[in-house]
């Protein structure tokens, strides 16, 4: 997963550089028109290269509750952490409230996964496999390295020690 996610890292790095070349060489309209060329090239390649496969279990249904709980947990935790940047501290009411909601939703998902016997959107028994756990940790650390400065810099810039 970490190797497959590498293009996601190059997108934010190379996108502005290529966009700058396009704007400098042509005009800003071409930023939008370039997407047409990408789709014209990518769509036939995808139709040709992506294999058609049968579902493993045709009776299985979408785990809507699991998706809602996991996405709400993620949103609450992220919102709580961004509130820490607003207040320049993790010790404030909003951060503690939203991080607490996120942790409560994580506990709910853990119980739900146990009740459903790992038949959820993210079966937690996947973490018993070393390769899955290692790739998840690698992806987590890569995202911390990329996204972490967005959290740390506001806390550093608005520190009371700098005022």
C-alpha atoms as a PDB file:
ATOM      1  CA  UNK A   1       0.000   0.000   0.000  1.00  0.00           C
ATOM      2  CA  UNK A   2       2.849   2.387   0.746  1.00  0.00           C
ATOM      3  CA  UNK A   3       4.364   1.791  -2.698  1.00  0.00           C
ATOM      4  CA  UNK A   4       1.026   2.263  -4.439  1.00  0.00           C
ATOM      5  CA  UNK A   5       0.398   5.501  -2.510  1.00  0.00           C
ATOM      6  CA  UNK A   6       3.683   7.055  -3.668  1.00  0.00           C
ATOM      7  CA  UNK A   7       1.994   8.799  -6.642  1.00  0.00           C
ATOM      8  CA  UNK A   8      -0.248  10.560  -4.113  1.00  0.00           C
ATOM      9  CA  UNK A   9       2.903  12.068  -2.653  1.00  0.00           C
ATOM     10  CA  UNK A  10       4.217  13.196  -6.041  1.00  0.00           C
ATOM     11  CA  UNK A  11       0.901  14.832  -7.029  1.00  0.00           C
ATOM     12  CA  UNK A  12       1.117  17.746  -4.576  1.00  0.00           C
ATOM     13  CA  UNK A  13       4.823  18.140  -5.321  1.00  0.00           C
ATOM     14  CA  UNK A  14       4.755  18.033  -9.118  1.00  0.00           C
ATOM     15  CA  UNK A  15       1.266  19.512  -9.670  1.00  0.00           C
ATOM     16  CA  UNK A  16       2.135  23.131  -8.876  1.00  0.00           C
ATOM     17  CA  UNK A  17       5.409  22.892 -10.811  1.00  0.00           C
ATOM     18  CA  UNK A  18       3.744  21.532 -13.936  1.00  0.00           C
ATOM     19  CA  UNK A  19       0.871  24.016 -13.462  1.00  0.00           C
ATOM     20  CA  UNK A  20       3.404  26.850 -13.321  1.00  0.00           C
ATOM     21  CA  UNK A  21       4.969  25.714 -16.583  1.00  0.00           C
ATOM     22  CA  UNK A  22       1.541  25.512 -18.227  1.00  0.00           C
ATOM     23  CA  UNK A  23       0.490  28.964 -17.031  1.00  0.00           C
ATOM     24  CA  UNK A  24       3.818  30.502 -17.980  1.00  0.00           C
ATOM     25  CA  UNK A  25       3.916  28.851 -21.423  1.00  0.00           C
ATOM     26  CA  UNK A  26       0.245  29.163 -22.373  1.00  0.00           C
ATOM     27  CA  UNK A  27      -2.463  30.672 -20.159  1.00  0.00           C
ATOM     28  CA  UNK A  28      -4.349  29.728 -17.028  1.00  0.00           C
ATOM     29  CA  UNK A  29      -7.228  28.352 -19.151  1.00  0.00           C
ATOM     30  CA  UNK A  30      -5.017  25.412 -20.052  1.00  0.00           C
ATOM     31  CA  UNK A  31      -4.968  24.310 -16.409  1.00  0.00           C
ATOM     32  CA  UNK A  32      -8.575  23.227 -16.936  1.00  0.00           C
ATOM     33  CA  UNK A  33      -8.186  21.952 -20.494  1.00  0.00           C
ATOM     34  CA  UNK A  34      -5.313  19.655 -19.521  1.00  0.00           C
ATOM     35  CA  UNK A  35      -7.846  17.490 -17.652  1.00  0.00           C
ATOM     36  CA  UNK A  36      -9.618  16.746 -20.929  1.00  0.00           C
ATOM     37  CA  UNK A  37      -6.391  15.365 -22.390  1.00  0.00           C
ATOM     38  CA  UNK A  38      -5.734  13.288 -19.265  1.00  0.00           C
ATOM     39  CA  UNK A  39      -9.215  11.738 -19.407  1.00  0.00           C
ATOM     40  CA  UNK A  40      -8.951  11.045 -23.139  1.00  0.00           C
ATOM     41  CA  UNK A  41      -5.704   9.154 -22.493  1.00  0.00           C
ATOM     42  CA  UNK A  42      -6.637   7.479 -19.209  1.00  0.00           C
ATOM     43  CA  UNK A  43     -10.180   6.228 -19.913  1.00  0.00           C
ATOM     44  CA  UNK A  44      -9.283   3.844 -22.780  1.00  0.00           C
ATOM     45  CA  UNK A  45      -6.249   2.571 -20.858  1.00  0.00           C
ATOM     46  CA  UNK A  46      -8.370   1.873 -17.804  1.00  0.00           C
ATOM     47  CA  UNK A  47     -11.010   0.042 -19.834  1.00  0.00           C
ATOM     48  CA  UNK A  48      -8.292  -2.071 -21.437  1.00  0.00           C
ATOM     49  CA  UNK A  49      -6.059  -2.793 -18.423  1.00  0.00           C
ATOM     50  CA  UNK A  50      -8.376  -3.071 -15.397  1.00  0.00           C
ATOM     51  CA  UNK A  51      -9.526  -6.691 -15.119  1.00  0.00           C
ATOM     52  CA  UNK A  52     -13.188  -7.616 -14.879  1.00  0.00           C
ATOM     53  CA  UNK A  53     -13.799  -9.895 -11.910  1.00  0.00           C
ATOM     54  CA  UNK A  54     -16.685 -11.542 -10.144  1.00  0.00           C
ATOM     55  CA  UNK A  55     -17.436 -10.521  -6.555  1.00  0.00           C
ATOM     56  CA  UNK A  56     -16.185 -12.924  -3.891  1.00  0.00           C
ATOM     57  CA  UNK A  57     -19.461 -12.996  -2.007  1.00  0.00           C
ATOM     58  CA  UNK A  58     -22.540 -11.934  -3.929  1.00  0.00           C
ATOM     59  CA  UNK A  59     -24.758 -12.032  -0.813  1.00  0.00           C
ATOM     60  CA  UNK A  60     -22.617  -9.530   1.126  1.00  0.00           C
ATOM     61  CA  UNK A  61     -24.025  -6.061   1.628  1.00  0.00           C
ATOM     62  CA  UNK A  62     -22.388  -2.677   2.094  1.00  0.00           C
ATOM     63  CA  UNK A  63     -21.437  -2.093   5.731  1.00  0.00           C
ATOM     64  CA  UNK A  64     -23.113   1.295   5.982  1.00  0.00           C
ATOM     65  CA  UNK A  65     -22.909   1.508   9.782  1.00  0.00           C
ATOM     66  CA  UNK A  66     -19.183   0.737   9.761  1.00  0.00           C
ATOM     67  CA  UNK A  67     -18.534   3.340   7.060  1.00  0.00           C
ATOM     68  CA  UNK A  68     -20.500   5.990   8.959  1.00  0.00           C
ATOM     69  CA  UNK A  69     -18.768   5.248  12.271  1.00  0.00           C
ATOM     70  CA  UNK A  70     -15.253   5.176  10.769  1.00  0.00           C
ATOM     71  CA  UNK A  71     -15.748   8.352   8.729  1.00  0.00           C
ATOM     72  CA  UNK A  72     -17.334  10.162  11.690  1.00  0.00           C
ATOM     73  CA  UNK A  73     -14.470   9.026  13.919  1.00  0.00           C
ATOM     74  CA  UNK A  74     -11.916  10.309  11.447  1.00  0.00           C
ATOM     75  CA  UNK A  75     -13.719  13.635  10.997  1.00  0.00           C
ATOM     76  CA  UNK A  76     -14.077  14.152  14.761  1.00  0.00           C
ATOM     77  CA  UNK A  77     -10.415  13.394  15.451  1.00  0.00           C
ATOM     78  CA  UNK A  78      -9.193  15.627  12.623  1.00  0.00           C
ATOM     79  CA  UNK A  79     -11.512  18.447  13.672  1.00  0.00           C
ATOM     80  CA  UNK A  80     -10.340  18.130  17.273  1.00  0.00           C
ATOM     81  CA  UNK A  81      -6.710  18.330  16.231  1.00  0.00           C
ATOM     82  CA  UNK A  82      -7.340  21.382  14.048  1.00  0.00           C
ATOM     83  CA  UNK A  83      -9.049  23.068  16.982  1.00  0.00           C
ATOM     84  CA  UNK A  84      -5.767  22.613  18.865  1.00  0.00           C
ATOM     85  CA  UNK A  85      -4.113  24.705  16.158  1.00  0.00           C
ATOM     86  CA  UNK A  86      -6.781  27.403  16.553  1.00  0.00           C
ATOM     87  CA  UNK A  87      -6.208  27.637  20.300  1.00  0.00           C
ATOM     88  CA  UNK A  88      -2.439  26.990  20.111  1.00  0.00           C
ATOM     89  CA  UNK A  89      -2.872  24.235  22.683  1.00  0.00           C
ATOM     90  CA  UNK A  90      -4.260  20.747  23.014  1.00  0.00           C
ATOM     91  CA  UNK A  91      -5.617  21.680  26.440  1.00  0.00           C
ATOM     92  CA  UNK A  92      -8.876  23.387  25.489  1.00  0.00           C
ATOM     93  CA  UNK A  93     -12.527  22.441  25.601  1.00  0.00           C
ATOM     94  CA  UNK A  94     -13.131  22.036  21.846  1.00  0.00           C
ATOM     95  CA  UNK A  95     -10.079  19.861  21.222  1.00  0.00           C
ATOM     96  CA  UNK A  96     -10.847  17.594  24.164  1.00  0.00           C
ATOM     97  CA  UNK A  97     -14.525  17.353  23.196  1.00  0.00           C
ATOM     98  CA  UNK A  98     -13.937  16.420  19.542  1.00  0.00           C
ATOM     99  CA  UNK A  99     -11.007  14.114  20.265  1.00  0.00           C
ATOM    100  CA  UNK A 100     -13.167  12.435  22.935  1.00  0.00           C
ATOM    101  CA  UNK A 101     -16.001  11.963  20.434  1.00  0.00           C
ATOM    102  CA  UNK A 102     -13.518  10.449  17.983  1.00  0.00           C
ATOM    103  CA  UNK A 103     -12.151   8.060  20.603  1.00  0.00           C
ATOM    104  CA  UNK A 104     -15.689   7.089  21.670  1.00  0.00           C
ATOM    105  CA  UNK A 105     -16.529   6.288  18.042  1.00  0.00           C
ATOM    106  CA  UNK A 106     -13.351   4.190  17.832  1.00  0.00           C
ATOM    107  CA  UNK A 107     -14.510   2.159  20.847  1.00  0.00           C
ATOM    108  CA  UNK A 108     -17.947   1.772  19.232  1.00  0.00           C
ATOM    109  CA  UNK A 109     -16.300   0.462  16.064  1.00  0.00           C
ATOM    110  CA  UNK A 110     -14.146  -1.970  18.052  1.00  0.00           C
ATOM    111  CA  UNK A 111     -17.273  -3.374  19.730  1.00  0.00           C
ATOM    112  CA  UNK A 112     -19.154  -3.448  16.418  1.00  0.00           C
ATOM    113  CA  UNK A 113     -16.295  -5.316  14.730  1.00  0.00           C
ATOM    114  CA  UNK A 114     -16.292  -7.884  17.531  1.00  0.00           C
ATOM    115  CA  UNK A 115     -20.064  -8.342  17.368  1.00  0.00           C
ATOM    116  CA  UNK A 116     -19.985  -8.794  13.581  1.00  0.00           C
ATOM    117  CA  UNK A 117     -16.981 -11.185  13.875  1.00  0.00           C
ATOM    118  CA  UNK A 118     -14.724  -9.178  11.541  1.00  0.00           C
ATOM    119  CA  UNK A 119     -17.367  -8.957   8.790  1.00  0.00           C
ATOM    120  CA  UNK A 120     -17.085  -5.157   8.664  1.00  0.00           C
ATOM    121  CA  UNK A 121     -15.778  -2.568   6.224  1.00  0.00           C
ATOM    122  CA  UNK A 122     -12.350  -2.711   7.929  1.00  0.00           C
ATOM    123  CA  UNK A 123     -11.947  -6.109   9.584  1.00  0.00           C
ATOM    124  CA  UNK A 124      -9.535  -5.622  12.446  1.00  0.00           C
ATOM    125  CA  UNK A 125      -8.194  -9.173  12.108  1.00  0.00           C
ATOM    126  CA  UNK A 126      -6.274  -7.881   9.057  1.00  0.00           C
ATOM    127  CA  UNK A 127      -3.807  -6.355  11.516  1.00  0.00           C
ATOM    128  CA  UNK A 128      -2.730  -9.862  12.562  1.00  0.00           C
ATOM    129  CA  UNK A 129      -0.934 -10.128   9.206  1.00  0.00           C
ATOM    130  CA  UNK A 130       2.559  -8.694   9.466  1.00  0.00           C
ATOM    131  CA  UNK A 131       2.688  -7.320   5.929  1.00  0.00           C
ATOM    132  CA  UNK A 132      -0.637  -5.485   6.302  1.00  0.00           C
ATOM    133  CA  UNK A 133       0.377  -4.029   9.661  1.00  0.00           C
ATOM    134  CA  UNK A 134       3.801  -2.966   8.370  1.00  0.00           C
ATOM    135  CA  UNK A 135       2.335  -1.302   5.268  1.00  0.00           C
ATOM    136  CA  UNK A 136      -0.303   0.477   7.383  1.00  0.00           C
ATOM    137  CA  UNK A 137       2.380   1.776   9.747  1.00  0.00           C
ATOM    138  CA  UNK A 138       4.506   2.902   6.786  1.00  0.00           C
ATOM    139  CA  UNK A 139       1.561   4.716   5.238  1.00  0.00           C
ATOM    140  CA  UNK A 140       0.713   6.318   8.586  1.00  0.00           C
ATOM    141  CA  UNK A 141       4.268   7.549   9.074  1.00  0.00           C
ATOM    142  CA  UNK A 142       4.463   8.841   5.494  1.00  0.00           C
ATOM    143  CA  UNK A 143       1.249  10.805   6.020  1.00  0.00           C
ATOM    144  CA  UNK A 144       2.585  12.207   9.291  1.00  0.00           C
ATOM    145  CA  UNK A 145       5.692  13.388   7.446  1.00  0.00           C
ATOM    146  CA  UNK A 146       3.587  15.016   4.724  1.00  0.00           C
ATOM    147  CA  UNK A 147       0.642  16.356   6.716  1.00  0.00           C
ATOM    148  CA  UNK A 148       2.316  16.904  10.093  1.00  0.00           C
ATOM    149  CA  UNK A 149       3.791  20.315   9.334  1.00  0.00           C
ATOM    150  CA  UNK A 150       0.276  21.632   8.681  1.00  0.00           C
ATOM    151  CA  UNK A 151      -0.515  20.881  12.318  1.00  0.00           C
ATOM    152  CA  UNK A 152       2.814  21.816  13.887  1.00  0.00           C
ATOM    153  CA  UNK A 153       3.465  25.136  12.126  1.00  0.00           C
ATOM    154  CA  UNK A 154       0.304  26.917  13.350  1.00  0.00           C
ATOM    155  CA  UNK A 155       1.036  25.749  16.895  1.00  0.00           C
ATOM    156  CA  UNK A 156       4.611  27.007  16.603  1.00  0.00           C
ATOM    157  CA  UNK A 157       3.793  30.315  14.912  1.00  0.00           C
ATOM    158  CA  UNK A 158       1.150  31.312  17.457  1.00  0.00           C
ATOM    159  CA  UNK A 159       3.040  30.133  20.502  1.00  0.00           C
ATOM    160  CA  UNK A 160       2.807  32.501  23.497  1.00  0.00           C
ATOM    161  CA  UNK A 161       6.583  32.304  23.812  1.00  0.00           C
ATOM    162  CA  UNK A 162       6.994  34.133  20.498  1.00  0.00           C
ATOM    163  CA  UNK A 163       4.779  37.054  21.455  1.00  0.00           C
END
